[in-house]
Structures are given as C-alpha cells and as structure tokens.
Amino acid sequence: FNVLSGVYIPTSGDIVFNGKRINNLPAHTI
C-alpha cells in the first residue's frame, strides 16, 4: 500500500495505474 500510494518509492519494478507508470509520483499526485 505504501509504494502504491506514494509513501515509498519502490527500489525496482514498475507500478502501472490506468495505463500510466506511477512509481516516482508524489503522494498527492497519486
């Protein structure tokens, strides 16, 4: 949940939501 909601930036891999990569987005943007 924390990497998905922007609390943490994952060490590796990709998180894609609604077709867009959100790995490095700040929490408020997510």
ModelCIF file with pLDDT and N, C-alpha, C, O atoms, coordinates in Angstrom:
data_MODEL
#
_entry.id   MODEL 
#
_entity.id                         1 
_entity.type                       polymer 
_entity.pdbx_number_of_molecules   1 
#
_entity_poly.entity_id                      1 
_entity_poly.type                           'polypeptide(L)' 
_entity_poly.nstd_linkage                   no 
_entity_poly.nstd_monomer                   no 
_entity_poly.pdbx_seq_one_letter_code       FNVLSGVYIPTSGDIVFNGKRINNLPAHTI 
_entity_poly.pdbx_seq_one_letter_code_can   FNVLSGVYIPTSGDIVFNGKRINNLPAHTI 
_entity_poly.pdbx_strand_id                 A 
#
loop_
_entity_poly_seq.entity_id 
_entity_poly_seq.num 
_entity_poly_seq.mon_id 
_entity_poly_seq.hetero 
1 1  PHE n 
1 2  ASN n 
1 3  VAL n 
1 4  LEU n 
1 5  SER n 
1 6  GLY n 
1 7  VAL n 
1 8  TYR n 
1 9  ILE n 
1 10 PRO n 
1 11 THR n 
1 12 SER n 
1 13 GLY n 
1 14 ASP n 
1 15 ILE n 
1 16 VAL n 
1 17 PHE n 
1 18 ASN n 
1 19 GLY n 
1 20 LYS n 
1 21 ARG n 
1 22 ILE n 
1 23 ASN n 
1 24 ASN n 
1 25 LEU n 
1 26 PRO n 
1 27 ALA n 
1 28 HIS n 
1 29 THR n 
1 30 ILE n 
#
_struct_asym.id          A 
_struct_asym.entity_id   1 
#
loop_
_ma_qa_metric.id 
_ma_qa_metric.mode 
_ma_qa_metric.name 
_ma_qa_metric.software_group_id 
_ma_qa_metric.type 
1 global pLDDT . pLDDT 
2 local  pLDDT . pLDDT 
#
_ma_qa_metric_global.metric_id      1 
_ma_qa_metric_global.metric_value   93.37 
_ma_qa_metric_global.model_id       1 
_ma_qa_metric_global.ordinal_id     1 
#
loop_
_ma_qa_metric_local.label_asym_id 
_ma_qa_metric_local.label_comp_id 
_ma_qa_metric_local.label_seq_id 
_ma_qa_metric_local.metric_id 
_ma_qa_metric_local.metric_value 
_ma_qa_metric_local.model_id 
_ma_qa_metric_local.ordinal_id 
A PHE 1  2 94.00 1 1  
A ASN 2  2 94.00 1 2  
A VAL 3  2 95.00 1 3  
A LEU 4  2 94.00 1 4  
A SER 5  2 93.00 1 5  
A GLY 6  2 92.00 1 6  
A VAL 7  2 93.00 1 7  
A TYR 8  2 94.00 1 8  
A ILE 9  2 94.00 1 9  
A PRO 10 2 95.00 1 10 
A THR 11 2 95.00 1 11 
A SER 12 2 95.00 1 12 
A GLY 13 2 95.00 1 13 
A ASP 14 2 95.00 1 14 
A ILE 15 2 96.00 1 15 
A VAL 16 2 97.00 1 16 
A PHE 17 2 96.00 1 17 
A ASN 18 2 94.00 1 18 
A GLY 19 2 93.00 1 19 
A LYS 20 2 95.00 1 20 
A ARG 21 2 95.00 1 21 
A ILE 22 2 94.00 1 22 
A ASN 23 2 89.00 1 23 
A ASN 24 2 87.00 1 24 
A LEU 25 2 92.00 1 25 
A PRO 26 2 92.00 1 26 
A ALA 27 2 90.00 1 27 
A HIS 28 2 88.00 1 28 
A THR 29 2 92.00 1 29 
A ILE 30 2 93.00 1 30 
#
loop_
_atom_site.group_PDB 
_atom_site.id 
_atom_site.type_symbol 
_atom_site.label_atom_id 
_atom_site.label_alt_id 
_atom_site.label_comp_id 
_atom_site.label_asym_id 
_atom_site.label_entity_id 
_atom_site.label_seq_id 
_atom_site.pdbx_PDB_ins_code 
_atom_site.Cartn_x 
_atom_site.Cartn_y 
_atom_site.Cartn_z 
_atom_site.occupancy 
_atom_site.B_iso_or_equiv 
_atom_site.pdbx_formal_charge 
_atom_site.auth_seq_id 
_atom_site.auth_comp_id 
_atom_site.auth_asym_id 
_atom_site.auth_atom_id 
_atom_site.pdbx_PDB_model_num 
ATOM 1   N N  . PHE A 1 1  ? 0.822  -1.207 0.000   1.00 94.00 ? 1  PHE A N  1 
ATOM 2   C CA . PHE A 1 1  ? 0.000  0.000  0.000   1.00 94.00 ? 1  PHE A CA 1 
ATOM 3   C C  . PHE A 1 1  ? 0.857  1.257  0.000   1.00 94.00 ? 1  PHE A C  1 
ATOM 4   O O  . PHE A 1 1  ? 0.521  2.240  -0.662  1.00 94.00 ? 1  PHE A O  1 
ATOM 5   N N  . ASN A 1 2  ? 1.967  1.232  0.743   1.00 94.00 ? 2  ASN A N  1 
ATOM 6   C CA . ASN A 1 2  ? 2.803  2.416  0.847   1.00 94.00 ? 2  ASN A CA 1 
ATOM 7   C C  . ASN A 1 2  ? 3.505  2.752  -0.467  1.00 94.00 ? 2  ASN A C  1 
ATOM 8   O O  . ASN A 1 2  ? 3.639  3.929  -0.801  1.00 94.00 ? 2  ASN A O  1 
ATOM 9   N N  . VAL A 1 3  ? 3.950  1.759  -1.209  1.00 95.00 ? 3  VAL A N  1 
ATOM 10  C CA . VAL A 1 3  ? 4.564  2.060  -2.507  1.00 95.00 ? 3  VAL A CA 1 
ATOM 11  C C  . VAL A 1 3  ? 3.492  2.439  -3.526  1.00 95.00 ? 3  VAL A C  1 
ATOM 12  O O  . VAL A 1 3  ? 3.735  3.240  -4.429  1.00 95.00 ? 3  VAL A O  1 
ATOM 13  N N  . LEU A 1 4  ? 2.311  1.859  -3.373  1.00 94.00 ? 4  LEU A N  1 
ATOM 14  C CA . LEU A 1 4  ? 1.230  2.166  -4.305  1.00 94.00 ? 4  LEU A CA 1 
ATOM 15  C C  . LEU A 1 4  ? 0.701  3.583  -4.108  1.00 94.00 ? 4  LEU A C  1 
ATOM 16  O O  . LEU A 1 4  ? 0.308  4.240  -5.071  1.00 94.00 ? 4  LEU A O  1 
ATOM 17  N N  . SER A 1 5  ? 0.691  4.053  -2.867  1.00 93.00 ? 5  SER A N  1 
ATOM 18  C CA . SER A 1 5  ? 0.137  5.382  -2.576  1.00 93.00 ? 5  SER A CA 1 
ATOM 19  C C  . SER A 1 5  ? 1.192  6.481  -2.521  1.00 93.00 ? 5  SER A C  1 
ATOM 20  O O  . SER A 1 5  ? 0.868  7.623  -2.197  1.00 93.00 ? 5  SER A O  1 
ATOM 21  N N  . GLY A 1 6  ? 2.439  6.162  -2.829  1.00 92.00 ? 6  GLY A N  1 
ATOM 22  C CA . GLY A 1 6  ? 3.473  7.182  -2.920  1.00 92.00 ? 6  GLY A CA 1 
ATOM 23  C C  . GLY A 1 6  ? 4.201  7.488  -1.630  1.00 92.00 ? 6  GLY A C  1 
ATOM 24  O O  . GLY A 1 6  ? 5.007  8.418  -1.587  1.00 92.00 ? 6  GLY A O  1 
ATOM 25  N N  . VAL A 1 7  ? 3.938  6.731  -0.577  1.00 93.00 ? 7  VAL A N  1 
ATOM 26  C CA . VAL A 1 7  ? 4.677  6.919  0.674   1.00 93.00 ? 7  VAL A CA 1 
ATOM 27  C C  . VAL A 1 7  ? 6.136  6.517  0.477   1.00 93.00 ? 7  VAL A C  1 
ATOM 28  O O  . VAL A 1 7  ? 7.042  7.197  0.960   1.00 93.00 ? 7  VAL A O  1 
ATOM 29  N N  . TYR A 1 8  ? 6.363  5.404  -0.238  1.00 94.00 ? 8  TYR A N  1 
ATOM 30  C CA . TYR A 1 8  ? 7.705  4.950  -0.585  1.00 94.00 ? 8  TYR A CA 1 
ATOM 31  C C  . TYR A 1 8  ? 7.850  4.885  -2.102  1.00 94.00 ? 8  TYR A C  1 
ATOM 32  O O  . TYR A 1 8  ? 6.886  4.635  -2.826  1.00 94.00 ? 8  TYR A O  1 
ATOM 33  N N  . ILE A 1 9  ? 9.064  5.115  -2.561  1.00 94.00 ? 9  ILE A N  1 
ATOM 34  C CA . ILE A 1 9  ? 9.404  4.881  -3.963  1.00 94.00 ? 9  ILE A CA 1 
ATOM 35  C C  . ILE A 1 9  ? 10.023 3.497  -4.051  1.00 94.00 ? 9  ILE A C  1 
ATOM 36  O O  . ILE A 1 9  ? 11.028 3.246  -3.386  1.00 94.00 ? 9  ILE A O  1 
ATOM 37  N N  . PRO A 1 10 ? 9.464  2.584  -4.845  1.00 95.00 ? 10 PRO A N  1 
ATOM 38  C CA . PRO A 1 10 ? 9.995  1.222  -4.878  1.00 95.00 ? 10 PRO A CA 1 
ATOM 39  C C  . PRO A 1 10 ? 11.435 1.181  -5.352  1.00 95.00 ? 10 PRO A C  1 
ATOM 40  O O  . PRO A 1 10 ? 11.864 2.006  -6.159  1.00 95.00 ? 10 PRO A O  1 
ATOM 41  N N  . THR A 1 11 ? 12.176 0.209  -4.838  1.00 95.00 ? 11 THR A N  1 
ATOM 42  C CA . THR A 1 11 ? 13.573 0.045  -5.209  1.00 95.00 ? 11 THR A CA 1 
ATOM 43  C C  . THR A 1 11 ? 13.710 -0.344 -6.672  1.00 95.00 ? 11 THR A C  1 
ATOM 44  O O  . THR A 1 11 ? 14.630 0.106  -7.354  1.00 95.00 ? 11 THR A O  1 
ATOM 45  N N  . SER A 1 12 ? 12.799 -1.177 -7.153  1.00 95.00 ? 12 SER A N  1 
ATOM 46  C CA . SER A 1 12 ? 12.827 -1.597 -8.550  1.00 95.00 ? 12 SER A CA 1 
ATOM 47  C C  . SER A 1 12 ? 11.433 -2.053 -8.956  1.00 95.00 ? 12 SER A C  1 
ATOM 48  O O  . SER A 1 12 ? 10.549 -2.232 -8.118  1.00 95.00 ? 12 SER A O  1 
ATOM 49  N N  . GLY A 1 13 ? 11.256 -2.239 -10.268 1.00 95.00 ? 13 GLY A N  1 
ATOM 50  C CA . GLY A 1 13 ? 9.980  -2.677 -10.799 1.00 95.00 ? 13 GLY A CA 1 
ATOM 51  C C  . GLY A 1 13 ? 9.098  -1.517 -11.227 1.00 95.00 ? 13 GLY A C  1 
ATOM 52  O O  . GLY A 1 13 ? 9.466  -0.351 -11.078 1.00 95.00 ? 13 GLY A O  1 
ATOM 53  N N  . ASP A 1 14 ? 7.927  -1.849 -11.762 1.00 95.00 ? 14 ASP A N  1 
ATOM 54  C CA . ASP A 1 14 ? 7.003  -0.840 -12.265 1.00 95.00 ? 14 ASP A CA 1 
ATOM 55  C C  . ASP A 1 14 ? 5.616  -1.019 -11.656 1.00 95.00 ? 14 ASP A C  1 
ATOM 56  O O  . ASP A 1 14 ? 5.132  -2.139 -11.491 1.00 95.00 ? 14 ASP A O  1 
ATOM 57  N N  . ILE A 1 15 ? 4.985  0.110  -11.324 1.00 96.00 ? 15 ILE A N  1 
ATOM 58  C CA . ILE A 1 15 ? 3.589  0.126  -10.908 1.00 96.00 ? 15 ILE A CA 1 
ATOM 59  C C  . ILE A 1 15 ? 2.833  0.944  -11.944 1.00 96.00 ? 15 ILE A C  1 
ATOM 60  O O  . ILE A 1 15 ? 3.134  2.118  -12.160 1.00 96.00 ? 15 ILE A O  1 
ATOM 61  N N  . VAL A 1 16 ? 1.855  0.322  -12.578 1.00 97.00 ? 16 VAL A N  1 
ATOM 62  C CA . VAL A 1 16 ? 1.098  0.973  -13.643 1.00 97.00 ? 16 VAL A CA 1 
ATOM 63  C C  . VAL A 1 16 ? -0.365 1.057  -13.224 1.00 97.00 ? 16 VAL A C  1 
ATOM 64  O O  . VAL A 1 16 ? -0.991 0.043  -12.917 1.00 97.00 ? 16 VAL A O  1 
ATOM 65  N N  . PHE A 1 17 ? -0.901 2.273  -13.216 1.00 96.00 ? 17 PHE A N  1 
ATOM 66  C CA . PHE A 1 17 ? -2.290 2.513  -12.827 1.00 96.00 ? 17 PHE A CA 1 
ATOM 67  C C  . PHE A 1 17 ? -3.005 3.247  -13.954 1.00 96.00 ? 17 PHE A C  1 
ATOM 68  O O  . PHE A 1 17 ? -2.571 4.314  -14.390 1.00 96.00 ? 17 PHE A O  1 
ATOM 69  N N  . ASN A 1 18 ? -4.100 2.664  -14.416 1.00 94.00 ? 18 ASN A N  1 
ATOM 70  C CA . ASN A 1 18 ? -4.849 3.241  -15.540 1.00 94.00 ? 18 ASN A CA 1 
ATOM 71  C C  . ASN A 1 18 ? -3.945 3.557  -16.728 1.00 94.00 ? 18 ASN A C  1 
ATOM 72  O O  . ASN A 1 18 ? -4.083 4.588  -17.387 1.00 94.00 ? 18 ASN A O  1 
ATOM 73  N N  . GLY A 1 19 ? -3.015 2.634  -16.979 1.00 93.00 ? 19 GLY A N  1 
ATOM 74  C CA . GLY A 1 19 ? -2.147 2.753  -18.149 1.00 93.00 ? 19 GLY A CA 1 
ATOM 75  C C  . GLY A 1 19 ? -0.949 3.664  -17.978 1.00 93.00 ? 19 GLY A C  1 
ATOM 76  O O  . GLY A 1 19 ? -0.179 3.842  -18.922 1.00 93.00 ? 19 GLY A O  1 
ATOM 77  N N  . LYS A 1 20 ? -0.766 4.256  -16.785 1.00 95.00 ? 20 LYS A N  1 
ATOM 78  C CA . LYS A 1 20 ? 0.344  5.178  -16.565 1.00 95.00 ? 20 LYS A CA 1 
ATOM 79  C C  . LYS A 1 20 ? 1.241  4.682  -15.438 1.00 95.00 ? 20 LYS A C  1 
ATOM 80  O O  . LYS A 1 20 ? 0.760  4.199  -14.413 1.00 95.00 ? 20 LYS A O  1 
ATOM 81  N N  . ARG A 1 21 ? 2.547  4.807  -15.641 1.00 95.00 ? 21 ARG A N  1 
ATOM 82  C CA . ARG A 1 21 ? 3.527  4.426  -14.625 1.00 95.00 ? 21 ARG A CA 1 
ATOM 83  C C  . ARG A 1 21 ? 3.515  5.464  -13.510 1.00 95.00 ? 21 ARG A C  1 
ATOM 84  O O  . ARG A 1 21 ? 3.651  6.658  -13.776 1.00 95.00 ? 21 ARG A O  1 
ATOM 85  N N  . ILE A 1 22 ? 3.352  5.021  -12.260 1.00 94.00 ? 22 ILE A N  1 
ATOM 86  C CA . ILE A 1 22 ? 3.226  5.966  -11.144 1.00 94.00 ? 22 ILE A CA 1 
ATOM 87  C C  . ILE A 1 22 ? 4.334  5.814  -10.104 1.00 94.00 ? 22 ILE A C  1 
ATOM 88  O O  . ILE A 1 22 ? 4.239  6.380  -9.015  1.00 94.00 ? 22 ILE A O  1 
ATOM 89  N N  . ASN A 1 23 ? 5.370  5.065  -10.424 1.00 89.00 ? 23 ASN A N  1 
ATOM 90  C CA . ASN A 1 23 ? 6.425  4.758  -9.441  1.00 89.00 ? 23 ASN A CA 1 
ATOM 91  C C  . ASN A 1 23 ? 6.970  5.958  -8.702  1.00 89.00 ? 23 ASN A C  1 
ATOM 92  O O  . ASN A 1 23 ? 7.110  5.926  -7.479  1.00 89.00 ? 23 ASN A O  1 
ATOM 93  N N  . ASN A 1 24 ? 7.280  7.019  -9.432  1.00 87.00 ? 24 ASN A N  1 
ATOM 94  C CA . ASN A 1 24 ? 8.016  8.129  -8.847  1.00 87.00 ? 24 ASN A CA 1 
ATOM 95  C C  . ASN A 1 24 ? 7.146  9.356  -8.597  1.00 87.00 ? 24 ASN A C  1 
ATOM 96  O O  . ASN A 1 24 ? 7.670  10.444 -8.360  1.00 87.00 ? 24 ASN A O  1 
ATOM 97  N N  . LEU A 1 25 ? 5.841  9.198  -8.647  1.00 92.00 ? 25 LEU A N  1 
ATOM 98  C CA . LEU A 1 25 ? 4.962  10.338 -8.447  1.00 92.00 ? 25 LEU A CA 1 
ATOM 99  C C  . LEU A 1 25 ? 4.779  10.620 -6.952  1.00 92.00 ? 25 LEU A C  1 
ATOM 100 O O  . LEU A 1 25 ? 4.751  9.687  -6.149  1.00 92.00 ? 25 LEU A O  1 
ATOM 101 N N  . PRO A 1 26 ? 4.656  11.902 -6.571  1.00 92.00 ? 26 PRO A N  1 
ATOM 102 C CA . PRO A 1 26 ? 4.398  12.221 -5.167  1.00 92.00 ? 26 PRO A CA 1 
ATOM 103 C C  . PRO A 1 26 ? 3.006  11.765 -4.751  1.00 92.00 ? 26 PRO A C  1 
ATOM 104 O O  . PRO A 1 26 ? 2.132  11.552 -5.592  1.00 92.00 ? 26 PRO A O  1 
ATOM 105 N N  . ALA A 1 27 ? 2.810  11.616 -3.441  1.00 90.00 ? 27 ALA A N  1 
ATOM 106 C CA . ALA A 1 27 ? 1.567  11.053 -2.918  1.00 90.00 ? 27 ALA A CA 1 
ATOM 107 C C  . ALA A 1 27 ? 0.340  11.847 -3.358  1.00 90.00 ? 27 ALA A C  1 
ATOM 108 O O  . ALA A 1 27 ? -0.678 11.252 -3.714  1.00 90.00 ? 27 ALA A O  1 
ATOM 109 N N  . HIS A 1 28 ? 0.416  13.193 -3.340  1.00 88.00 ? 28 HIS A N  1 
ATOM 110 C CA . HIS A 1 28 ? -0.768 13.980 -3.687  1.00 88.00 ? 28 HIS A CA 1 
ATOM 111 C C  . HIS A 1 28 ? -1.143 13.806 -5.161  1.00 88.00 ? 28 HIS A C  1 
ATOM 112 O O  . HIS A 1 28 ? -2.321 13.862 -5.515  1.00 88.00 ? 28 HIS A O  1 
ATOM 113 N N  . THR A 1 29 ? -0.146 13.597 -6.011  1.00 92.00 ? 29 THR A N  1 
ATOM 114 C CA . THR A 1 29 ? -0.432 13.367 -7.434  1.00 92.00 ? 29 THR A CA 1 
ATOM 115 C C  . THR A 1 29 ? -1.099 12.013 -7.623  1.00 92.00 ? 29 THR A C  1 
ATOM 116 O O  . THR A 1 29 ? -2.017 11.876 -8.431  1.00 92.00 ? 29 THR A O  1 
ATOM 117 N N  . ILE A 1 30 ? -0.641 11.020 -6.883  1.00 93.00 ? 30 ILE A N  1 
ATOM 118 C CA . ILE A 1 30 ? -1.247 9.689  -6.967  1.00 93.00 ? 30 ILE A CA 1 
ATOM 119 C C  . ILE A 1 30 ? -2.692 9.724  -6.486  1.00 93.00 ? 30 ILE A C  1 
ATOM 120 O O  . ILE A 1 30 ? -3.367 8.695  -6.482  1.00 93.00 ? 30 ILE A O  1 
#
